[in-house]
Structure formats: structure tokens, C-alpha cells
Amino acid sequence: MKNFFKSIIAAFSMFSRIPMPRIEWDEDVMRHMMTAFPLVGAVIGGIMLAFLRLADFFELHDALRALGMTLLPLAVTGGIHLDGLCDTCDALGAVVSPERRREILKDPRAGAFGVISVATYLLAYFALALAFDGSTSSTALYCFSFVMSRLFSANAVTRLKPAPDGTGRAFHDAAGKKGRLGLFTVLLFAVLALFVIIISVSETNSAPSVWMFALLVCYISLKRTVEKKFEGMSGDLAGWFLQRCELWQLGALVIVSALAR
């Protein structure tokens, strides 16, 4: 239990800008970091829920609310996952071998494809946030998306074939076959599925089902990209998936809301 608390501190230290006490990293700490990773998403979801409630209370302009929805998650994470999106899009834009794509991921310089992808992502997210209706069920799913994107991102790092080296490989090896993340994913997904069924039936609301479908499509897309384009999972690919997942889930909520009008 002590090591798990250390893993929580390490996860927040690495994947957020939230101040944390300094600890010594070892294999036991890294073993559980991916299991603790979704807790970072839970905190971000809580922050976003508080922000949306305050935006409603002060009747904040829709554009300012959308700006907060776009920038607050980046402020909390420091843009670490957006960096993965940038690097991965640079690599995907090059018509080269999987080995060369993995080399591009390691290049700290941002290329044209990466810059374009980040700009497009932020514009798309802002536009979707501007169209977000803010209903109770949509807000709950939106805030929960920060947990699910990190849960499935961590699951991909520990379960999919890793790249030969890099951060993703280190976490994959540290988690091992006895990691708790697989069981945690199944249990949380089962709870989510039950929530989706209850909301869909009681409110005749298709948003939860479409939201979950977007999550699964993103994960399947990640798996295919890892196998065909890179031949191994990496930390940058995890960040790319996480950002796309949050964008797609927000898009699903907006589309369903628009069709219901």
C-alpha cells in the first residue's frame, strides 16, 4: 500500500503540474504508476466540473467557457500529452518504415505535421467546447472522459506490444504480467457500461452509448496504428491516443446533442 501511494505521487509528478513531494523512484513505484494514472484524470475531471459550475453561476460568455475547457486541462498537465500528439503526427506524416517513425518520435524538434496537428486539435476542441450544451448527463460524461482516456491509455502501454526502448517500454516492463491495471480496467468499464444502460433507458438518451462507442473506436484505432505503423507502443503514442480520445468523446456529446434538437 505504501508503494502504491508513492506511485500516486509519482504519477501526479510526471503527468501533471500539481505540486507533489519529492520521492525516490524505483521498480515498485513504476510498477503501479499506470494504475494510478487515471487518478490524475479524476482530479482534472473534478477541476473541470468546478469550472463549469462556476461558469454557469457567473453566466460566463460561451466563448470564455470554451476557452477554459480547452486550456485548463493543458494547464494542469503541462501539455505533456499534447507533445505526444505533436510527435506522433510528425511520425505518421512521414512515408517511412516503422523503425524510422520510432526515430522521429524521439526527435525533440517539432515538424510541420506536428505543428499543424496541434493547431488543428486546439481549434477543433475549442469549437466543440463552444457547442457543448452543458446538460447534467453530458457534463458528467465529459468530466469522466478524463479518467477513461487515461485508463485506456495506461492499459495500452501495459498490454500492447511495446517499442524496443523508451518510456513506454519501461512502464510496460515494470507493470509486468501481474499488474492490477487489467482488472481495474474491466471493473471500471463494467461500472461505466451499467451507468450508460441506466442513463440511456431512464432518460432515453443516446449520448452515453455514443460516447462509449467513440472511446472504443479510438482504442481500436490506436491498436491498429501501433501494429501497422510503429510495430510497438510508446509514451508518445499513449499521449496521441489520450488527446484524440478526449476530442472524440467531446465530439460525440456535441453531435448527439445537436441531433436531439
C-alpha atoms as a PDB file:
ATOM      1  CA  MET A   1       0.000   0.000   0.000  1.00  0.00           C
ATOM      2  CA  LYS A   2       2.876   2.358   0.825  1.00  0.00           C
ATOM      3  CA  ASN A   3       4.376   1.780  -2.621  1.00  0.00           C
ATOM      4  CA  PHE A   4       1.011   2.474  -4.252  1.00  0.00           C
ATOM      5  CA  PHE A   5       0.778   5.851  -2.504  1.00  0.00           C
ATOM      6  CA  LYS A   6       4.275   6.580  -3.768  1.00  0.00           C
ATOM      7  CA  SER A   7       3.104   5.585  -7.248  1.00  0.00           C
ATOM      8  CA  ILE A   8       0.239   8.069  -6.985  1.00  0.00           C
ATOM      9  CA  ILE A   9       2.696  10.827  -6.066  1.00  0.00           C
ATOM     10  CA  ALA A  10       4.980   9.787  -8.945  1.00  0.00           C
ATOM     11  CA  ALA A  11       2.052   9.728 -11.404  1.00  0.00           C
ATOM     12  CA  PHE A  12       0.975  13.244 -10.450  1.00  0.00           C
ATOM     13  CA  SER A  13       4.593  14.436 -10.552  1.00  0.00           C
ATOM     14  CA  MET A  14       5.137  13.107 -14.054  1.00  0.00           C
ATOM     15  CA  PHE A  15       1.750  13.670 -15.674  1.00  0.00           C
ATOM     16  CA  SER A  16       0.630  16.936 -14.068  1.00  0.00           C
ATOM     17  CA  ARG A  17       1.892  20.287 -12.829  1.00  0.00           C
ATOM     18  CA  ILE A  18       0.264  19.781  -9.423  1.00  0.00           C
ATOM     19  CA  PRO A  19       2.964  20.220  -6.741  1.00  0.00           C
ATOM     20  CA  MET A  20       3.953  16.911  -5.130  1.00  0.00           C
ATOM     21  CA  PRO A  21       6.553  15.892  -2.535  1.00  0.00           C
ATOM     22  CA  ARG A  22       9.818  14.520  -3.901  1.00  0.00           C
ATOM     23  CA  ILE A  23      10.228  10.753  -3.708  1.00  0.00           C
ATOM     24  CA  GLU A  24      12.775   8.221  -4.876  1.00  0.00           C
ATOM     25  CA  TRP A  25      11.672   6.285  -7.942  1.00  0.00           C
ATOM     26  CA  ASP A  26      12.252   2.541  -8.032  1.00  0.00           C
ATOM     27  CA  GLU A  27      10.804  -0.500  -9.779  1.00  0.00           C
ATOM     28  CA  ASP A  28       7.991  -0.901  -7.238  1.00  0.00           C
ATOM     29  CA  VAL A  29       6.904   2.722  -7.742  1.00  0.00           C
ATOM     30  CA  MET A  30       6.897   2.359 -11.531  1.00  0.00           C
ATOM     31  CA  ARG A  31       5.006  -0.943 -11.320  1.00  0.00           C
ATOM     32  CA  HIS A  32       1.851   0.796 -10.093  1.00  0.00           C
ATOM     33  CA  MET A  33       2.193   4.197 -11.772  1.00  0.00           C
ATOM     34  CA  MET A  34      -0.031   3.258 -14.688  1.00  0.00           C
ATOM     35  CA  THR A  35      -2.713   2.039 -12.270  1.00  0.00           C
ATOM     36  CA  ALA A  36      -2.535   5.424 -10.520  1.00  0.00           C
ATOM     37  CA  PHE A  37      -2.550   7.352 -13.802  1.00  0.00           C
ATOM     38  CA  PRO A  38      -6.402   7.537 -14.089  1.00  0.00           C
ATOM     39  CA  LEU A  39      -6.460   9.315 -10.716  1.00  0.00           C
ATOM     40  CA  VAL A  40      -4.815  12.277 -12.456  1.00  0.00           C
ATOM     41  CA  GLY A  41      -7.781  12.274 -14.811  1.00  0.00           C
ATOM     42  CA  ALA A  42     -10.171  12.177 -11.846  1.00  0.00           C
ATOM     43  CA  VAL A  43      -8.605  15.346 -10.461  1.00  0.00           C
ATOM     44  CA  ILE A  44      -8.769  17.053 -13.861  1.00  0.00           C
ATOM     45  CA  GLY A  45     -12.399  15.985 -14.193  1.00  0.00           C
ATOM     46  CA  GLY A  46     -13.134  17.478 -10.774  1.00  0.00           C
ATOM     47  CA  ILE A  47     -11.435  20.725 -11.733  1.00  0.00           C
ATOM     48  CA  MET A  48     -13.427  20.904 -14.960  1.00  0.00           C
ATOM     49  CA  LEU A  49     -16.681  20.202 -13.139  1.00  0.00           C
ATOM     50  CA  ALA A  50     -15.951  23.039 -10.709  1.00  0.00           C
ATOM     51  CA  PHE A  51     -15.064  25.330 -13.605  1.00  0.00           C
ATOM     52  CA  LEU A  52     -18.275  24.544 -15.493  1.00  0.00           C
ATOM     53  CA  ARG A  53     -20.368  25.104 -12.378  1.00  0.00           C
ATOM     54  CA  LEU A  54     -18.671  28.454 -11.765  1.00  0.00           C
ATOM     55  CA  ALA A  55     -19.112  29.380 -15.428  1.00  0.00           C
ATOM     56  CA  ASP A  56     -22.844  28.742 -15.078  1.00  0.00           C
ATOM     57  CA  PHE A  57     -23.058  30.597 -11.767  1.00  0.00           C
ATOM     58  CA  PHE A  58     -21.340  33.711 -13.122  1.00  0.00           C
ATOM     59  CA  GLU A  59     -23.052  33.340 -16.525  1.00  0.00           C
ATOM     60  CA  LEU A  60     -19.699  33.336 -18.277  1.00  0.00           C
ATOM     61  CA  HIS A  61     -19.764  34.010 -22.017  1.00  0.00           C
ATOM     62  CA  ASP A  62     -19.832  30.811 -24.086  1.00  0.00           C
ATOM     63  CA  ALA A  63     -16.527  31.673 -25.766  1.00  0.00           C
ATOM     64  CA  LEU A  64     -14.793  32.114 -22.394  1.00  0.00           C
ATOM     65  CA  ARG A  65     -16.271  28.863 -21.120  1.00  0.00           C
ATOM     66  CA  ALA A  66     -14.989  27.085 -24.245  1.00  0.00           C
ATOM     67  CA  LEU A  67     -11.565  28.687 -23.787  1.00  0.00           C
ATOM     68  CA  GLY A  68     -11.424  27.389 -20.213  1.00  0.00           C
ATOM     69  CA  MET A  69     -12.452  23.901 -21.329  1.00  0.00           C
ATOM     70  CA  THR A  70      -9.655  23.947 -23.911  1.00  0.00           C
ATOM     71  CA  LEU A  71      -6.829  25.399 -21.841  1.00  0.00           C
ATOM     72  CA  LEU A  72      -7.447  24.247 -18.256  1.00  0.00           C
ATOM     73  CA  PRO A  73      -6.609  20.564 -18.907  1.00  0.00           C
ATOM     74  CA  LEU A  74      -3.422  21.655 -20.674  1.00  0.00           C
ATOM     75  CA  ALA A  75      -2.524  23.907 -17.739  1.00  0.00           C
ATOM     76  CA  VAL A  76      -2.909  21.012 -15.297  1.00  0.00           C
ATOM     77  CA  THR A  77      -0.912  18.534 -17.401  1.00  0.00           C
ATOM     78  CA  GLY A  78       1.664  20.987 -18.700  1.00  0.00           C
ATOM     79  CA  GLY A  79       0.915  19.807 -22.247  1.00  0.00           C
ATOM     80  CA  ILE A  80       2.815  16.525 -21.827  1.00  0.00           C
ATOM     81  CA  HIS A  81       0.202  14.559 -23.779  1.00  0.00           C
ATOM     82  CA  LEU A  82      -0.140  17.237 -26.445  1.00  0.00           C
ATOM     83  CA  ASP A  83       3.588  16.795 -27.012  1.00  0.00           C
ATOM     84  CA  GLY A  84       2.880  13.127 -27.752  1.00  0.00           C
ATOM     85  CA  LEU A  85       0.201  14.177 -30.250  1.00  0.00           C
ATOM     86  CA  CYS A  86       2.678  16.511 -31.963  1.00  0.00           C
ATOM     87  CA  ASP A  87       5.467  13.906 -32.189  1.00  0.00           C
ATOM     88  CA  THR A  88       3.141  11.135 -33.350  1.00  0.00           C
ATOM     89  CA  CYS A  89       1.571  13.252 -36.097  1.00  0.00           C
ATOM     90  CA  ASP A  90       5.054  14.164 -37.297  1.00  0.00           C
ATOM     91  CA  ALA A  91       5.896  10.462 -37.496  1.00  0.00           C
ATOM     92  CA  LEU A  92       2.606   9.496 -39.162  1.00  0.00           C
ATOM     93  CA  GLY A  93       3.059  12.217 -41.769  1.00  0.00           C
ATOM     94  CA  ALA A  94       6.310  10.667 -42.983  1.00  0.00           C
ATOM     95  CA  VAL A  95       6.133   7.850 -45.567  1.00  0.00           C
ATOM     96  CA  VAL A  96       8.876   5.771 -43.977  1.00  0.00           C
ATOM     97  CA  SER A  97       9.438   2.448 -42.228  1.00  0.00           C
ATOM     98  CA  PRO A  98       8.174   1.752 -38.676  1.00  0.00           C
ATOM     99  CA  GLU A  99      11.761   1.947 -37.412  1.00  0.00           C
ATOM    100  CA  ARG A 100      12.187   5.417 -38.900  1.00  0.00           C
ATOM    101  CA  ARG A 101       8.836   6.513 -37.439  1.00  0.00           C
ATOM    102  CA  ARG A 102      10.037   5.482 -33.983  1.00  0.00           C
ATOM    103  CA  GLU A 103      13.156   7.580 -34.534  1.00  0.00           C
ATOM    104  CA  ILE A 104      11.006  10.596 -35.441  1.00  0.00           C
ATOM    105  CA  LEU A 105       9.100  10.146 -32.162  1.00  0.00           C
ATOM    106  CA  LYS A 106      12.352  10.636 -30.258  1.00  0.00           C
ATOM    107  CA  ASP A 107      13.273  13.829 -32.128  1.00  0.00           C
ATOM    108  CA  PRO A 108      12.644  16.784 -29.759  1.00  0.00           C
ATOM    109  CA  ARG A 109      12.115  19.163 -32.680  1.00  0.00           C
ATOM    110  CA  ALA A 110       8.569  19.816 -33.913  1.00  0.00           C
ATOM    111  CA  GLY A 111       7.997  19.329 -37.620  1.00  0.00           C
ATOM    112  CA  ALA A 112       5.359  20.819 -39.900  1.00  0.00           C
ATOM    113  CA  PHE A 113       2.911  17.933 -39.453  1.00  0.00           C
ATOM    114  CA  GLY A 114       3.180  18.207 -35.678  1.00  0.00           C
ATOM    115  CA  VAL A 115       2.597  21.961 -35.573  1.00  0.00           C
ATOM    116  CA  ILE A 116      -0.365  21.692 -37.944  1.00  0.00           C
ATOM    117  CA  SER A 117      -1.871  18.854 -35.912  1.00  0.00           C
ATOM    118  CA  VAL A 118      -1.621  20.743 -32.610  1.00  0.00           C
ATOM    119  CA  ALA A 119      -3.148  23.900 -34.107  1.00  0.00           C
ATOM    120  CA  THR A 120      -5.954  21.876 -35.702  1.00  0.00           C
ATOM    121  CA  TYR A 121      -6.571  19.965 -32.472  1.00  0.00           C
ATOM    122  CA  LEU A 122      -6.877  23.113 -30.349  1.00  0.00           C
ATOM    123  CA  LEU A 123      -9.200  24.788 -32.860  1.00  0.00           C
ATOM    124  CA  ALA A 124     -11.376  21.687 -33.100  1.00  0.00           C
ATOM    125  CA  TYR A 125     -11.538  21.279 -29.334  1.00  0.00           C
ATOM    126  CA  PHE A 126     -12.434  24.952 -28.846  1.00  0.00           C
ATOM    127  CA  ALA A 127     -15.184  24.723 -31.480  1.00  0.00           C
ATOM    128  CA  LEU A 128     -16.662  21.605 -29.888  1.00  0.00           C
ATOM    129  CA  ALA A 129     -16.437  23.155 -26.420  1.00  0.00           C
ATOM    130  CA  LEU A 130     -18.278  26.198 -27.760  1.00  0.00           C
ATOM    131  CA  ALA A 131     -21.080  23.915 -28.977  1.00  0.00           C
ATOM    132  CA  PHE A 132     -21.171  21.849 -25.752  1.00  0.00           C
ATOM    133  CA  ASP A 133     -24.653  22.060 -24.188  1.00  0.00           C
ATOM    134  CA  GLY A 134     -23.589  21.584 -20.550  1.00  0.00           C
ATOM    135  CA  SER A 135     -26.522  19.342 -19.570  1.00  0.00           C
ATOM    136  CA  THR A 136     -26.174  17.244 -16.426  1.00  0.00           C
ATOM    137  CA  SER A 137     -25.557  13.921 -18.177  1.00  0.00           C
ATOM    138  CA  SER A 138     -23.243  15.459 -20.800  1.00  0.00           C
ATOM    139  CA  THR A 139     -21.216  17.262 -18.124  1.00  0.00           C
ATOM    140  CA  ALA A 140     -20.847  14.045 -16.114  1.00  0.00           C
ATOM    141  CA  LEU A 141     -19.623  12.133 -19.168  1.00  0.00           C
ATOM    142  CA  TYR A 142     -17.334  14.988 -20.211  1.00  0.00           C
ATOM    143  CA  CYS A 143     -15.638  15.086 -16.805  1.00  0.00           C
ATOM    144  CA  PHE A 144     -15.414  11.291 -16.683  1.00  0.00           C
ATOM    145  CA  SER A 145     -13.725  11.244 -20.100  1.00  0.00           C
ATOM    146  CA  PHE A 146     -10.506  12.466 -18.472  1.00  0.00           C
ATOM    147  CA  VAL A 147     -10.482   9.308 -16.362  1.00  0.00           C
ATOM    148  CA  MET A 148     -11.323   6.927 -19.189  1.00  0.00           C
ATOM    149  CA  SER A 149      -8.796   8.385 -21.631  1.00  0.00           C
ATOM    150  CA  ARG A 150      -6.037   7.814 -19.072  1.00  0.00           C
ATOM    151  CA  LEU A 151      -7.303   4.398 -18.059  1.00  0.00           C
ATOM    152  CA  PHE A 152      -7.267   3.114 -21.640  1.00  0.00           C
ATOM    153  CA  SER A 153      -4.009   4.922 -22.391  1.00  0.00           C
ATOM    154  CA  ALA A 154      -2.352   3.199 -19.433  1.00  0.00           C
ATOM    155  CA  ASN A 155      -3.888  -0.113 -20.459  1.00  0.00           C
ATOM    156  CA  ALA A 156      -2.409   0.269 -23.942  1.00  0.00           C
ATOM    157  CA  VAL A 157       1.050   0.989 -22.524  1.00  0.00           C
ATOM    158  CA  THR A 158       0.998  -2.090 -20.307  1.00  0.00           C
ATOM    159  CA  ARG A 159      -0.866  -4.514 -22.611  1.00  0.00           C
ATOM    160  CA  LEU A 160       0.112  -3.759 -26.204  1.00  0.00           C
ATOM    161  CA  LYS A 161       3.456  -4.809 -27.669  1.00  0.00           C
ATOM    162  CA  PRO A 162       5.986  -2.173 -26.550  1.00  0.00           C
ATOM    163  CA  ALA A 163       8.545  -0.359 -28.680  1.00  0.00           C
ATOM    164  CA  PRO A 164      12.120  -1.658 -28.246  1.00  0.00           C
ATOM    165  CA  ASP A 165      13.053   1.201 -25.916  1.00  0.00           C
ATOM    166  CA  GLY A 166      11.741   4.414 -24.386  1.00  0.00           C
ATOM    167  CA  THR A 167       9.378   5.391 -21.583  1.00  0.00           C
ATOM    168  CA  GLY A 168       6.574   3.144 -22.807  1.00  0.00           C
ATOM    169  CA  ARG A 169       8.858   0.121 -22.694  1.00  0.00           C
ATOM    170  CA  ALA A 170       9.990   0.988 -19.163  1.00  0.00           C
ATOM    171  CA  PHE A 171       6.407   1.182 -17.874  1.00  0.00           C
ATOM    172  CA  HIS A 172       5.413  -1.982 -19.750  1.00  0.00           C
ATOM    173  CA  ASP A 173       8.265  -3.972 -18.223  1.00  0.00           C
ATOM    174  CA  ALA A 174       7.716  -2.528 -14.745  1.00  0.00           C
ATOM    175  CA  ALA A 175       3.978  -3.354 -14.765  1.00  0.00           C
ATOM    176  CA  GLY A 176       4.641  -6.988 -15.661  1.00  0.00           C
ATOM    177  CA  LYS A 177       2.006  -9.643 -16.153  1.00  0.00           C
ATOM    178  CA  LYS A 178       0.717  -9.354 -12.580  1.00  0.00           C
ATOM    179  CA  GLY A 179      -0.253  -5.694 -12.815  1.00  0.00           C
ATOM    180  CA  ARG A 180      -3.611  -4.647 -11.418  1.00  0.00           C
ATOM    181  CA  LEU A 181      -4.478  -2.371 -14.296  1.00  0.00           C
ATOM    182  CA  GLY A 182      -6.225  -5.026 -16.402  1.00  0.00           C
ATOM    183  CA  LEU A 183      -8.661  -5.921 -13.618  1.00  0.00           C
ATOM    184  CA  PHE A 184      -9.146  -2.241 -12.774  1.00  0.00           C
ATOM    185  CA  THR A 185      -9.990  -1.520 -16.424  1.00  0.00           C
ATOM    186  CA  VAL A 186     -12.547  -4.317 -16.597  1.00  0.00           C
ATOM    187  CA  LEU A 187     -14.237  -3.301 -13.335  1.00  0.00           C
ATOM    188  CA  LEU A 188     -14.386   0.399 -14.175  1.00  0.00           C
ATOM    189  CA  PHE A 189     -15.608  -0.298 -17.680  1.00  0.00           C
ATOM    190  CA  ALA A 190     -18.321  -2.597 -16.273  1.00  0.00           C
ATOM    191  CA  VAL A 191     -19.472   0.167 -13.920  1.00  0.00           C
ATOM    192  CA  LEU A 192     -19.449   2.626 -16.815  1.00  0.00           C
ATOM    193  CA  ALA A 193     -21.463   0.220 -19.001  1.00  0.00           C
ATOM    194  CA  LEU A 194     -24.061  -0.109 -16.249  1.00  0.00           C
ATOM    195  CA  PHE A 195     -24.204   3.686 -15.934  1.00  0.00           C
ATOM    196  CA  VAL A 196     -24.646   4.021 -19.691  1.00  0.00           C
ATOM    197  CA  ILE A 197     -27.504   1.492 -19.732  1.00  0.00           C
ATOM    198  CA  ILE A 198     -29.307   3.178 -16.832  1.00  0.00           C
ATOM    199  CA  ILE A 199     -28.996   6.685 -18.322  1.00  0.00           C
ATOM    200  CA  SER A 200     -29.921   5.532 -21.821  1.00  0.00           C
ATOM    201  CA  VAL A 201     -33.041   3.713 -20.627  1.00  0.00           C
ATOM    202  CA  SER A 202     -34.226   6.160 -17.948  1.00  0.00           C
ATOM    203  CA  GLU A 203     -33.662   9.338 -19.952  1.00  0.00           C
ATOM    204  CA  THR A 204     -33.982   7.931 -23.480  1.00  0.00           C
ATOM    205  CA  ASN A 205     -30.595   9.492 -24.025  1.00  0.00           C
ATOM    206  CA  SER A 206     -28.194   8.064 -26.612  1.00  0.00           C
ATOM    207  CA  ALA A 207     -25.256  10.288 -25.565  1.00  0.00           C
ATOM    208  CA  PRO A 208     -23.682   7.742 -23.139  1.00  0.00           C
ATOM    209  CA  SER A 209     -23.760   4.960 -25.749  1.00  0.00           C
ATOM    210  CA  VAL A 210     -22.255   7.142 -28.489  1.00  0.00           C
ATOM    211  CA  TRP A 211     -19.680   8.468 -26.007  1.00  0.00           C
ATOM    212  CA  MET A 212     -18.618   4.931 -25.123  1.00  0.00           C
ATOM    213  CA  PHE A 213     -18.550   3.950 -28.796  1.00  0.00           C
ATOM    214  CA  ALA A 214     -16.163   6.858 -29.518  1.00  0.00           C
ATOM    215  CA  LEU A 215     -13.870   5.612 -26.756  1.00  0.00           C
ATOM    216  CA  LEU A 216     -13.767   2.082 -28.161  1.00  0.00           C
ATOM    217  CA  VAL A 217     -13.208   3.296 -31.737  1.00  0.00           C
ATOM    218  CA  CYS A 218     -10.238   5.383 -30.559  1.00  0.00           C
ATOM    219  CA  TYR A 219      -8.734   2.391 -28.780  1.00  0.00           C
ATOM    220  CA  ILE A 220      -9.164   0.099 -31.793  1.00  0.00           C
ATOM    221  CA  SER A 221      -7.615   2.797 -33.990  1.00  0.00           C
ATOM    222  CA  LEU A 222      -4.667   3.053 -31.599  1.00  0.00           C
ATOM    223  CA  LYS A 223      -4.124  -0.705 -31.635  1.00  0.00           C
ATOM    224  CA  ARG A 224      -4.104  -0.810 -35.442  1.00  0.00           C
ATOM    225  CA  THR A 225      -1.742   2.179 -35.641  1.00  0.00           C
ATOM    226  CA  VAL A 226       0.656   0.625 -33.139  1.00  0.00           C
ATOM    227  CA  GLU A 227       0.729  -2.691 -35.004  1.00  0.00           C
ATOM    228  CA  LYS A 228       0.934  -1.394 -38.583  1.00  0.00           C
ATOM    229  CA  LYS A 229       2.689   1.972 -38.392  1.00  0.00           C
ATOM    230  CA  PHE A 230       5.085   1.662 -35.438  1.00  0.00           C
ATOM    231  CA  GLU A 231       5.260  -2.030 -34.511  1.00  0.00           C
ATOM    232  CA  GLY A 232       5.363  -1.111 -30.838  1.00  0.00           C
ATOM    233  CA  MET A 233       3.624   1.048 -28.241  1.00  0.00           C
ATOM    234  CA  SER A 234       5.364   4.135 -26.838  1.00  0.00           C
ATOM    235  CA  GLY A 235       4.716   7.019 -24.458  1.00  0.00           C
ATOM    236  CA  ASP A 236       4.173   9.434 -27.362  1.00  0.00           C
ATOM    237  CA  LEU A 237       1.544   7.151 -28.860  1.00  0.00           C
ATOM    238  CA  ALA A 238      -0.175   7.000 -25.479  1.00  0.00           C
ATOM    239  CA  GLY A 239      -0.332  10.802 -25.408  1.00  0.00           C
ATOM    240  CA  TRP A 240      -1.594  10.892 -29.006  1.00  0.00           C
ATOM    241  CA  PHE A 241      -4.352   8.433 -28.121  1.00  0.00           C
ATOM    242  CA  LEU A 242      -5.289  10.291 -24.927  1.00  0.00           C
ATOM    243  CA  GLN A 243      -5.745  13.637 -26.699  1.00  0.00           C
ATOM    244  CA  ARG A 244      -7.688  12.105 -29.598  1.00  0.00           C
ATOM    245  CA  CYS A 245      -9.854  10.173 -27.182  1.00  0.00           C
ATOM    246  CA  GLU A 246     -10.844  13.303 -25.263  1.00  0.00           C
ATOM    247  CA  LEU A 247     -11.554  15.161 -28.507  1.00  0.00           C
ATOM    248  CA  TRP A 248     -13.655  12.338 -29.946  1.00  0.00           C
ATOM    249  CA  GLN A 249     -15.630  11.875 -26.740  1.00  0.00           C
ATOM    250  CA  LEU A 250     -16.416  15.590 -26.569  1.00  0.00           C
ATOM    251  CA  GLY A 251     -17.373  15.479 -30.242  1.00  0.00           C
ATOM    252  CA  ALA A 252     -19.719  12.559 -29.596  1.00  0.00           C
ATOM    253  CA  LEU A 253     -21.536  14.505 -26.879  1.00  0.00           C
ATOM    254  CA  VAL A 254     -21.878  17.579 -29.098  1.00  0.00           C
ATOM    255  CA  ILE A 255     -23.132  15.606 -32.117  1.00  0.00           C
ATOM    256  CA  VAL A 256     -25.759  13.725 -30.106  1.00  0.00           C
ATOM    257  CA  SER A 257     -26.924  16.978 -28.517  1.00  0.00           C
ATOM    258  CA  ALA A 258     -27.197  18.657 -31.938  1.00  0.00           C
ATOM    259  CA  LEU A 259     -29.183  15.767 -33.434  1.00  0.00           C
ATOM    260  CA  ALA A 260     -31.581  15.761 -30.482  1.00  0.00           C
ATOM    261  CA  ARG A 261     -32.638  19.387 -31.047  1.00  0.00           C
END
